[in-house]
């Protein structure tokens, strides 16, 4: 009986410590990855600005569930292009391009059902001696909830690999096509 009380007391103590730490963590989070692509922005832009035919060719998220169902609204690409998805594995949500420029990149928003927060993303392009530096940045705000703030603290480890893998696939697609 003493062992059970000790285990339960220790577990409760650990949970309380985590919640207390969560109160002191920042609400805002940011994940960023970059890659150099040996091509001008004009060759990269169709892949990042077209969420119907461009994104599925390189974005790892699109491949996480083979049964994912996408619905598209608005223009096929650029500002106002939007897609929603339903998936038993990754959940449901909406992505919308809010700003697009063939030379500098795109801004977008992603909201997921049930999570209650919005991811603000951008894929920026800037000149680089070897081609174009492409930077994917996702940011968000977890609010005051200490558990969500802990999740925000872990966001880099949760999203970073996916962003890097996606950028590497984008690089492969663009450079394979570039003359």
N, C-alpha and C. Protein backbone atom coordinates (compact mmCIF):
# COMPACT_ATOMS: atom_id res chain seq x y z
N UNK A 1 0.81 -1.19 0.00
CA UNK A 1 0.00 0.00 0.00
C UNK A 1 0.86 1.27 0.00
N UNK A 2 1.98 1.23 0.76
CA UNK A 2 2.87 2.38 0.80
C UNK A 2 3.49 2.65 -0.56
N UNK A 3 3.79 1.60 -1.30
CA UNK A 3 4.39 1.73 -2.62
C UNK A 3 3.42 2.41 -3.58
N UNK A 4 2.15 2.03 -3.53
CA UNK A 4 1.14 2.62 -4.40
C UNK A 4 0.97 4.09 -4.08
N UNK A 5 0.91 4.43 -2.78
CA UNK A 5 0.80 5.84 -2.37
C UNK A 5 2.02 6.63 -2.85
N UNK A 6 3.20 6.05 -2.75
CA UNK A 6 4.42 6.73 -3.18
C UNK A 6 4.39 6.98 -4.70
N UNK A 7 3.98 5.98 -5.47
CA UNK A 7 3.92 6.10 -6.93
C UNK A 7 2.89 7.15 -7.32
N UNK A 8 1.71 7.10 -6.74
CA UNK A 8 0.66 8.09 -7.04
C UNK A 8 1.09 9.49 -6.62
N UNK A 9 1.69 9.60 -5.45
CA UNK A 9 2.17 10.90 -4.98
C UNK A 9 3.26 11.46 -5.88
N UNK A 10 4.17 10.61 -6.34
CA UNK A 10 5.24 11.03 -7.25
C UNK A 10 4.68 11.47 -8.59
N UNK A 11 3.72 10.72 -9.11
CA UNK A 11 3.11 11.08 -10.40
C UNK A 11 2.38 12.41 -10.29
N UNK A 12 1.63 12.60 -9.22
CA UNK A 12 0.91 13.86 -9.01
C UNK A 12 1.90 15.02 -8.86
N UNK A 13 2.97 14.78 -8.12
CA UNK A 13 4.01 15.81 -7.95
C UNK A 13 4.64 16.19 -9.28
N UNK A 14 4.93 15.20 -10.12
CA UNK A 14 5.54 15.47 -11.44
C UNK A 14 4.59 16.28 -12.31
N UNK A 15 3.31 15.93 -12.28
CA UNK A 15 2.32 16.66 -13.07
C UNK A 15 2.23 18.11 -12.60
N UNK A 16 2.20 18.31 -11.29
CA UNK A 16 2.13 19.66 -10.75
C UNK A 16 3.37 20.48 -11.12
N UNK A 17 4.52 19.86 -11.10
CA UNK A 17 5.75 20.55 -11.49
C UNK A 17 5.69 20.95 -12.96
N UNK A 18 5.23 20.04 -13.83
CA UNK A 18 5.11 20.36 -15.26
C UNK A 18 4.13 21.52 -15.49
N UNK A 19 3.01 21.49 -14.80
CA UNK A 19 2.04 22.57 -14.95
C UNK A 19 2.64 23.88 -14.47
N UNK A 20 3.34 23.85 -13.35
CA UNK A 20 3.98 25.07 -12.83
C UNK A 20 5.01 25.61 -13.82
N UNK A 21 5.80 24.72 -14.41
CA UNK A 21 6.78 25.15 -15.43
C UNK A 21 6.05 25.77 -16.61
N UNK A 22 4.93 25.18 -17.01
CA UNK A 22 4.15 25.68 -18.13
C UNK A 22 3.71 27.12 -17.95
N UNK A 23 3.44 27.52 -16.73
CA UNK A 23 3.02 28.91 -16.48
C UNK A 23 4.13 29.90 -16.84
N UNK A 24 5.38 29.47 -16.75
CA UNK A 24 6.50 30.37 -17.01
C UNK A 24 7.02 30.32 -18.44
N UNK A 25 6.52 29.39 -19.23
CA UNK A 25 6.94 29.30 -20.63
C UNK A 25 6.24 30.36 -21.47
N UNK A 26 6.88 30.79 -22.56
CA UNK A 26 6.22 31.79 -23.42
C UNK A 26 5.02 31.18 -24.15
N UNK A 27 4.07 32.03 -24.47
CA UNK A 27 2.89 31.58 -25.22
C UNK A 27 3.20 31.41 -26.70
N UNK A 28 4.12 32.21 -27.22
CA UNK A 28 4.45 32.18 -28.65
C UNK A 28 5.50 31.11 -28.94
N UNK A 29 5.34 30.46 -30.09
CA UNK A 29 6.33 29.49 -30.54
C UNK A 29 6.69 29.77 -32.00
N UNK A 30 7.82 29.25 -32.42
CA UNK A 30 8.31 29.46 -33.79
C UNK A 30 9.19 28.28 -34.20
N UNK A 31 8.94 27.79 -35.40
CA UNK A 31 9.76 26.72 -35.99
C UNK A 31 10.20 27.21 -37.35
N UNK A 32 11.47 27.09 -37.64
CA UNK A 32 12.00 27.61 -38.91
C UNK A 32 13.08 26.68 -39.45
N UNK A 33 13.02 26.45 -40.75
CA UNK A 33 14.05 25.67 -41.45
C UNK A 33 14.32 26.35 -42.79
N UNK A 34 15.57 26.22 -43.27
CA UNK A 34 15.95 26.83 -44.54
C UNK A 34 16.74 25.84 -45.38
N UNK A 35 16.76 26.12 -46.68
CA UNK A 35 17.53 25.30 -47.62
C UNK A 35 17.90 26.19 -48.81
N UNK A 36 18.99 25.86 -49.45
CA UNK A 36 19.41 26.56 -50.66
C UNK A 36 18.98 25.73 -51.87
N UNK A 37 18.24 26.34 -52.78
CA UNK A 37 17.80 25.66 -54.00
C UNK A 37 18.50 26.33 -55.18
N UNK A 38 19.11 25.52 -56.02
CA UNK A 38 19.84 26.04 -57.18
C UNK A 38 18.89 26.34 -58.33
N UNK A 39 18.08 27.37 -58.10
CA UNK A 39 17.10 27.81 -59.11
C UNK A 39 16.61 29.20 -58.69
N UNK A 40 16.12 29.98 -59.66
CA UNK A 40 15.57 31.29 -59.32
C UNK A 40 14.18 31.15 -58.69
N UNK A 41 13.73 32.19 -57.97
CA UNK A 41 12.40 32.13 -57.33
C UNK A 41 11.27 31.78 -58.29
N UNK A 42 11.36 32.21 -59.54
CA UNK A 42 10.28 31.96 -60.50
C UNK A 42 10.07 30.46 -60.76
N UNK A 43 11.12 29.66 -60.57
CA UNK A 43 10.99 28.20 -60.75
C UNK A 43 10.42 27.54 -59.49
N UNK A 44 10.65 28.15 -58.34
CA UNK A 44 10.19 27.60 -57.06
C UNK A 44 8.73 27.96 -56.80
N UNK A 45 8.35 29.16 -57.16
CA UNK A 45 7.04 29.73 -56.85
C UNK A 45 5.85 28.82 -57.20
N UNK A 46 5.80 28.21 -58.38
CA UNK A 46 4.63 27.36 -58.69
C UNK A 46 4.45 26.20 -57.70
N UNK A 47 5.52 25.73 -57.12
CA UNK A 47 5.43 24.63 -56.16
C UNK A 47 4.88 25.10 -54.81
N UNK A 48 5.23 26.33 -54.41
CA UNK A 48 4.79 26.79 -53.09
C UNK A 48 3.47 27.57 -53.13
N UNK A 49 3.16 28.17 -54.27
CA UNK A 49 1.96 29.01 -54.36
C UNK A 49 0.73 28.24 -54.82
N UNK A 50 0.91 27.05 -55.36
CA UNK A 50 -0.22 26.26 -55.83
C UNK A 50 -0.45 25.11 -54.86
N UNK A 51 -1.44 25.26 -54.00
CA UNK A 51 -1.65 24.23 -52.98
C UNK A 51 -2.43 23.02 -53.50
N UNK A 52 -2.92 23.13 -54.73
CA UNK A 52 -3.64 21.98 -55.31
C UNK A 52 -2.69 21.04 -56.06
N UNK A 53 -1.83 21.60 -56.90
CA UNK A 53 -0.93 20.73 -57.68
C UNK A 53 0.53 20.86 -57.27
N UNK A 54 0.91 21.96 -56.64
CA UNK A 54 2.30 22.16 -56.24
C UNK A 54 2.65 21.48 -54.93
N UNK A 55 1.91 21.79 -53.87
CA UNK A 55 2.22 21.27 -52.54
C UNK A 55 2.26 19.74 -52.47
N UNK A 56 1.32 19.04 -53.09
CA UNK A 56 1.34 17.57 -52.97
C UNK A 56 2.62 16.93 -53.52
N UNK A 57 3.36 17.65 -54.35
CA UNK A 57 4.58 17.08 -54.93
C UNK A 57 5.76 17.07 -53.95
N UNK A 58 5.70 17.88 -52.90
CA UNK A 58 6.87 17.99 -52.02
C UNK A 58 6.55 18.05 -50.53
N UNK A 59 5.33 18.39 -50.15
CA UNK A 59 5.00 18.59 -48.74
C UNK A 59 4.77 17.25 -48.05
N UNK A 60 5.58 16.96 -47.04
CA UNK A 60 5.49 15.69 -46.31
C UNK A 60 4.13 15.48 -45.65
N UNK A 61 3.52 16.55 -45.18
CA UNK A 61 2.22 16.45 -44.52
C UNK A 61 1.20 15.76 -45.43
N UNK A 62 1.24 16.10 -46.72
CA UNK A 62 0.27 15.54 -47.66
C UNK A 62 0.39 14.03 -47.81
N UNK A 63 1.52 13.48 -47.38
CA UNK A 63 1.77 12.05 -47.55
C UNK A 63 1.61 11.26 -46.24
N UNK A 64 1.25 11.95 -45.14
CA UNK A 64 1.16 11.26 -43.86
C UNK A 64 -0.04 10.32 -43.76
N UNK A 65 -1.06 10.56 -44.57
CA UNK A 65 -2.24 9.70 -44.56
C UNK A 65 -2.67 9.47 -46.01
N UNK A 66 -2.59 8.23 -46.45
CA UNK A 66 -2.95 7.93 -47.84
C UNK A 66 -4.45 8.11 -48.09
N UNK A 67 -5.25 8.17 -47.04
CA UNK A 67 -6.70 8.34 -47.19
C UNK A 67 -7.16 9.77 -46.96
N UNK A 68 -6.25 10.71 -46.85
CA UNK A 68 -6.62 12.10 -46.61
C UNK A 68 -7.44 12.62 -47.79
N UNK A 69 -8.48 13.38 -47.48
CA UNK A 69 -9.36 13.94 -48.51
C UNK A 69 -9.23 15.45 -48.51
N UNK A 70 -8.85 16.03 -49.66
CA UNK A 70 -8.71 17.47 -49.80
C UNK A 70 -9.87 18.05 -50.59
N UNK A 71 -10.27 19.27 -50.22
CA UNK A 71 -11.26 20.06 -50.94
C UNK A 71 -10.64 21.43 -51.17
N UNK A 72 -10.74 21.94 -52.40
CA UNK A 72 -10.10 23.20 -52.76
C UNK A 72 -11.14 24.26 -53.07
N UNK A 73 -10.85 25.51 -52.63
CA UNK A 73 -11.72 26.64 -52.95
C UNK A 73 -10.85 27.82 -53.35
N UNK A 74 -11.46 28.78 -54.02
CA UNK A 74 -10.72 29.96 -54.45
C UNK A 74 -9.85 29.65 -55.66
N UNK A 75 -8.91 30.53 -55.95
CA UNK A 75 -8.02 30.27 -57.09
C UNK A 75 -7.15 29.05 -56.82
N UNK A 76 -6.60 28.46 -57.87
CA UNK A 76 -5.77 27.27 -57.71
C UNK A 76 -4.47 27.58 -56.98
N UNK A 77 -3.98 28.80 -57.15
CA UNK A 77 -2.74 29.18 -56.48
C UNK A 77 -2.72 30.66 -56.16
N UNK A 78 -1.76 31.05 -55.34
CA UNK A 78 -1.60 32.45 -54.98
C UNK A 78 -2.56 32.87 -53.88
N UNK A 79 -2.63 34.17 -53.66
CA UNK A 79 -3.46 34.72 -52.59
C UNK A 79 -4.91 34.29 -52.75
N UNK A 80 -5.48 33.80 -51.66
CA UNK A 80 -6.87 33.36 -51.67
C UNK A 80 -7.04 31.87 -51.94
N UNK A 81 -6.01 31.19 -52.42
CA UNK A 81 -6.11 29.74 -52.62
C UNK A 81 -6.29 29.07 -51.26
N UNK A 82 -7.18 28.10 -51.22
CA UNK A 82 -7.50 27.47 -49.94
C UNK A 82 -7.77 25.98 -50.13
N UNK A 83 -7.43 25.23 -49.11
CA UNK A 83 -7.78 23.81 -49.13
C UNK A 83 -8.15 23.41 -47.72
N UNK A 84 -9.09 22.49 -47.65
CA UNK A 84 -9.45 21.90 -46.38
C UNK A 84 -9.23 20.40 -46.51
N UNK A 85 -9.05 19.74 -45.40
CA UNK A 85 -8.81 18.31 -45.45
C UNK A 85 -9.51 17.62 -44.28
N UNK A 86 -9.80 16.36 -44.52
CA UNK A 86 -10.31 15.50 -43.47
C UNK A 86 -9.46 14.24 -43.47
N UNK A 87 -9.11 13.81 -42.28
CA UNK A 87 -8.26 12.64 -42.13
C UNK A 87 -8.46 12.06 -40.74
N UNK A 88 -8.63 10.76 -40.68
CA UNK A 88 -8.72 10.10 -39.37
C UNK A 88 -7.37 10.11 -38.68
N UNK A 89 -6.29 10.07 -39.45
CA UNK A 89 -4.96 9.97 -38.87
C UNK A 89 -4.41 11.33 -38.41
N UNK A 90 -4.53 12.38 -39.22
CA UNK A 90 -3.93 13.68 -38.89
C UNK A 90 -4.95 14.74 -38.51
N UNK A 91 -6.22 14.39 -38.48
CA UNK A 91 -7.26 15.35 -38.14
C UNK A 91 -7.74 16.13 -39.35
N UNK A 92 -8.56 17.14 -39.09
CA UNK A 92 -9.13 17.95 -40.15
C UNK A 92 -8.70 19.39 -39.97
N UNK A 93 -8.67 20.14 -41.08
CA UNK A 93 -8.26 21.53 -40.98
C UNK A 93 -8.41 22.27 -42.29
N UNK A 94 -7.92 23.52 -42.26
CA UNK A 94 -7.99 24.41 -43.42
C UNK A 94 -6.67 25.15 -43.56
N UNK A 95 -6.20 25.28 -44.79
CA UNK A 95 -5.01 26.07 -45.11
C UNK A 95 -5.41 27.10 -46.15
N UNK A 96 -4.97 28.35 -45.94
CA UNK A 96 -5.30 29.42 -46.88
C UNK A 96 -4.08 30.30 -47.09
N UNK A 97 -3.76 30.57 -48.37
CA UNK A 97 -2.67 31.48 -48.68
C UNK A 97 -3.19 32.91 -48.53
N UNK A 98 -2.51 33.68 -47.69
CA UNK A 98 -2.96 35.05 -47.39
C UNK A 98 -2.17 36.11 -48.14
N UNK A 99 -1.01 35.74 -48.67
CA UNK A 99 -0.17 36.68 -49.38
C UNK A 99 0.75 35.88 -50.30
N UNK A 100 0.96 36.39 -51.51
CA UNK A 100 1.81 35.66 -52.46
C UNK A 100 2.55 36.64 -53.36
N UNK A 101 3.84 36.37 -53.55
CA UNK A 101 4.68 37.18 -54.42
C UNK A 101 5.67 36.26 -55.11
N UNK A 102 5.71 36.30 -56.42
CA UNK A 102 6.55 35.38 -57.20
C UNK A 102 8.04 35.52 -56.87
N UNK A 103 8.45 36.66 -56.35
CA UNK A 103 9.87 36.89 -56.06
C UNK A 103 10.25 36.65 -54.60
N UNK A 104 9.26 36.79 -53.68
CA UNK A 104 9.62 36.70 -52.27
C UNK A 104 8.94 35.56 -51.51
N UNK A 105 7.87 34.96 -52.06
CA UNK A 105 7.26 33.81 -51.41
C UNK A 105 5.81 34.01 -51.01
N UNK A 106 5.38 33.22 -50.03
CA UNK A 106 3.97 33.22 -49.62
C UNK A 106 3.84 33.28 -48.09
N UNK A 107 2.69 33.75 -47.64
CA UNK A 107 2.25 33.64 -46.25
C UNK A 107 0.97 32.82 -46.27
N UNK A 108 0.76 32.04 -45.22
CA UNK A 108 -0.45 31.22 -45.16
C UNK A 108 -0.87 31.02 -43.71
N UNK A 109 -2.11 30.60 -43.54
CA UNK A 109 -2.66 30.26 -42.23
C UNK A 109 -3.18 28.84 -42.28
N UNK A 110 -2.99 28.13 -41.18
CA UNK A 110 -3.51 26.77 -41.05
C UNK A 110 -4.27 26.70 -39.73
N UNK A 111 -5.51 26.28 -39.80
CA UNK A 111 -6.28 26.06 -38.57
C UNK A 111 -6.76 24.62 -38.57
N UNK A 112 -6.64 23.98 -37.43
CA UNK A 112 -7.05 22.59 -37.32
C UNK A 112 -8.26 22.48 -36.41
N UNK A 113 -9.16 21.59 -36.75
CA UNK A 113 -10.35 21.39 -35.93
C UNK A 113 -9.97 20.76 -34.60
N UNK A 114 -10.56 21.27 -33.56
CA UNK A 114 -10.34 20.69 -32.24
C UNK A 114 -9.13 21.24 -31.50
N UNK A 115 -8.14 21.77 -32.20
CA UNK A 115 -6.94 22.26 -31.53
C UNK A 115 -7.15 23.67 -30.97
N UNK A 116 -7.97 24.46 -31.63
CA UNK A 116 -8.30 25.78 -31.12
C UNK A 116 -7.25 26.84 -31.33
N UNK A 117 -6.28 26.61 -32.20
CA UNK A 117 -5.31 27.66 -32.48
C UNK A 117 -4.95 27.67 -33.95
N UNK A 118 -4.33 28.76 -34.38
CA UNK A 118 -3.98 28.95 -35.79
C UNK A 118 -2.47 28.98 -35.92
N UNK A 119 -1.97 28.32 -36.96
CA UNK A 119 -0.55 28.38 -37.32
C UNK A 119 -0.41 29.42 -38.42
N UNK A 120 0.49 30.35 -38.23
CA UNK A 120 0.80 31.36 -39.25
C UNK A 120 2.11 30.94 -39.88
N UNK A 121 2.07 30.66 -41.17
CA UNK A 121 3.25 30.16 -41.86
C UNK A 121 3.70 31.07 -42.98
N UNK A 122 4.95 30.92 -43.35
CA UNK A 122 5.47 31.62 -44.52
C UNK A 122 6.56 30.76 -45.14
N UNK A 123 6.66 30.87 -46.45
CA UNK A 123 7.77 30.28 -47.18
C UNK A 123 8.38 31.44 -47.95
N UNK A 124 9.52 31.90 -47.45
CA UNK A 124 10.18 33.07 -48.02
C UNK A 124 11.33 32.67 -48.93
N UNK A 125 11.52 33.44 -49.97
CA UNK A 125 12.61 33.22 -50.91
C UNK A 125 13.47 34.48 -50.96
N UNK A 126 14.78 34.30 -50.92
CA UNK A 126 15.69 35.43 -51.05
C UNK A 126 16.92 35.00 -51.83
N UNK A 127 17.53 35.95 -52.55
CA UNK A 127 18.70 35.61 -53.37
C UNK A 127 19.83 35.04 -52.52
N UNK A 128 20.55 34.12 -53.12
CA UNK A 128 21.71 33.49 -52.48
C UNK A 128 22.73 33.25 -53.59
N UNK A 129 24.02 33.35 -53.30
CA UNK A 129 25.03 33.14 -54.35
C UNK A 129 24.89 31.82 -55.12
N UNK A 130 24.32 30.80 -54.47
CA UNK A 130 24.15 29.50 -55.13
C UNK A 130 22.76 29.29 -55.71
N UNK A 131 21.90 30.30 -55.63
CA UNK A 131 20.53 30.16 -56.14
C UNK A 131 19.56 30.98 -55.32
N UNK A 132 18.67 30.28 -54.58
CA UNK A 132 17.66 30.94 -53.76
C UNK A 132 17.62 30.27 -52.39
N UNK A 133 17.66 31.10 -51.35
CA UNK A 133 17.48 30.58 -50.00
C UNK A 133 15.98 30.55 -49.72
N UNK A 134 15.47 29.38 -49.39
CA UNK A 134 14.05 29.20 -49.10
C UNK A 134 13.93 28.90 -47.61
N UNK A 135 13.13 29.71 -46.93
CA UNK A 135 12.94 29.55 -45.49
C UNK A 135 11.46 29.33 -45.19
N UNK A 136 11.16 28.23 -44.54
CA UNK A 136 9.81 27.92 -44.10
C UNK A 136 9.74 28.23 -42.61
N UNK A 137 8.79 29.08 -42.25
CA UNK A 137 8.62 29.49 -40.85
C UNK A 137 7.16 29.28 -40.46
N UNK A 138 6.95 28.60 -39.35
CA UNK A 138 5.62 28.47 -38.75
C UNK A 138 5.67 29.09 -37.36
N UNK A 139 4.64 29.87 -37.02
CA UNK A 139 4.54 30.47 -35.70
C UNK A 139 3.13 30.31 -35.17
N UNK A 140 2.99 30.47 -33.88
CA UNK A 140 1.67 30.39 -33.28
C UNK A 140 1.69 30.89 -31.86
N UNK A 141 0.51 30.97 -31.26
CA UNK A 141 0.36 31.41 -29.89
C UNK A 141 -0.50 30.38 -29.17
N UNK A 142 -0.01 29.87 -28.08
CA UNK A 142 -0.70 28.81 -27.34
C UNK A 142 -1.60 29.34 -26.24
N UNK A 143 -1.66 30.67 -26.08
CA UNK A 143 -2.52 31.24 -25.05
C UNK A 143 -1.92 31.04 -23.66
N UNK A 144 -2.75 31.11 -22.65
CA UNK A 144 -2.28 31.06 -21.26
C UNK A 144 -2.28 29.64 -20.68
N UNK A 145 -2.88 28.68 -21.37
CA UNK A 145 -2.96 27.31 -20.86
C UNK A 145 -1.55 26.73 -20.70
N UNK A 146 -1.13 26.35 -19.49
CA UNK A 146 0.23 25.86 -19.29
C UNK A 146 0.54 24.56 -20.04
N UNK A 147 -0.45 23.72 -20.22
CA UNK A 147 -0.23 22.47 -20.96
C UNK A 147 0.03 22.79 -22.44
N UNK A 148 -0.77 23.71 -23.02
CA UNK A 148 -0.54 24.13 -24.40
C UNK A 148 0.82 24.81 -24.54
N UNK A 149 1.22 25.58 -23.53
CA UNK A 149 2.52 26.26 -23.58
C UNK A 149 3.67 25.25 -23.60
N UNK A 150 3.50 24.14 -22.87
CA UNK A 150 4.50 23.07 -22.92
C UNK A 150 4.54 22.48 -24.33
N UNK A 151 3.35 22.29 -24.92
CA UNK A 151 3.29 21.81 -26.31
C UNK A 151 4.00 22.78 -27.25
N UNK A 152 3.79 24.09 -27.05
CA UNK A 152 4.46 25.11 -27.86
C UNK A 152 5.97 25.03 -27.72
N UNK A 153 6.43 24.76 -26.51
CA UNK A 153 7.86 24.62 -26.26
C UNK A 153 8.44 23.44 -27.04
N UNK A 154 7.64 22.41 -27.23
CA UNK A 154 8.08 21.20 -27.94
C UNK A 154 7.82 21.25 -29.45
N UNK A 155 7.24 22.35 -29.92
CA UNK A 155 6.83 22.44 -31.32
C UNK A 155 8.00 22.26 -32.29
N UNK A 156 9.17 22.79 -31.97
CA UNK A 156 10.30 22.64 -32.88
C UNK A 156 10.63 21.16 -33.11
N UNK A 157 10.64 20.38 -32.03
CA UNK A 157 10.94 18.96 -32.19
C UNK A 157 9.80 18.21 -32.88
N UNK A 158 8.56 18.71 -32.73
CA UNK A 158 7.42 18.05 -33.36
C UNK A 158 7.31 18.38 -34.85
N UNK A 159 7.58 19.63 -35.25
CA UNK A 159 7.40 20.06 -36.64
C UNK A 159 8.69 20.17 -37.45
N UNK A 160 9.79 20.40 -36.78
CA UNK A 160 11.05 20.71 -37.46
C UNK A 160 11.47 19.68 -38.50
N UNK A 161 11.40 18.41 -38.15
CA UNK A 161 11.82 17.36 -39.09
C UNK A 161 10.93 17.35 -40.33
N UNK A 162 9.63 17.56 -40.13
CA UNK A 162 8.70 17.57 -41.26
C UNK A 162 9.00 18.75 -42.19
N UNK A 163 9.27 19.93 -41.62
CA UNK A 163 9.60 21.09 -42.44
C UNK A 163 10.87 20.85 -43.23
N UNK A 164 11.90 20.30 -42.58
CA UNK A 164 13.17 20.05 -43.26
C UNK A 164 13.01 19.02 -44.37
N UNK A 165 12.30 17.94 -44.08
CA UNK A 165 12.06 16.90 -45.09
C UNK A 165 11.31 17.48 -46.29
N UNK A 166 10.31 18.30 -46.02
CA UNK A 166 9.53 18.92 -47.09
C UNK A 166 10.41 19.83 -47.94
N UNK A 167 11.25 20.64 -47.30
CA UNK A 167 12.14 21.53 -48.06
C UNK A 167 13.12 20.73 -48.91
N UNK A 168 13.62 19.63 -48.39
CA UNK A 168 14.53 18.78 -49.18
C UNK A 168 13.81 18.19 -50.39
N UNK A 169 12.55 17.80 -50.21
CA UNK A 169 11.77 17.28 -51.34
C UNK A 169 11.47 18.38 -52.35
N UNK A 170 11.21 19.60 -51.87
CA UNK A 170 11.00 20.74 -52.75
C UNK A 170 12.26 20.99 -53.57
N UNK A 171 13.39 20.99 -52.92
CA UNK A 171 14.68 21.19 -53.59
C UNK A 171 14.88 20.13 -54.69
N UNK A 172 14.61 18.89 -54.36
CA UNK A 172 14.75 17.81 -55.34
C UNK A 172 13.86 18.00 -56.55
N UNK A 173 12.61 18.37 -56.33
CA UNK A 173 11.67 18.59 -57.44
C UNK A 173 12.11 19.75 -58.32
N UNK A 174 12.42 20.89 -57.69
CA UNK A 174 12.77 22.08 -58.44
C UNK A 174 14.07 21.88 -59.21
N UNK A 175 15.09 21.35 -58.56
CA UNK A 175 16.39 21.19 -59.21
C UNK A 175 16.35 20.12 -60.30
N UNK A 176 15.49 19.14 -60.17
CA UNK A 176 15.35 18.12 -61.22
C UNK A 176 14.72 18.74 -62.48
N UNK A 177 13.89 19.76 -62.28
CA UNK A 177 13.20 20.41 -63.39
C UNK A 177 14.02 21.54 -63.99
N UNK A 178 14.86 22.19 -63.17
CA UNK A 178 15.61 23.37 -63.62
C UNK A 178 16.61 22.99 -64.72
N UNK A 179 16.78 23.87 -65.71
CA UNK A 179 17.73 23.55 -66.80
C UNK A 179 19.17 23.57 -66.33
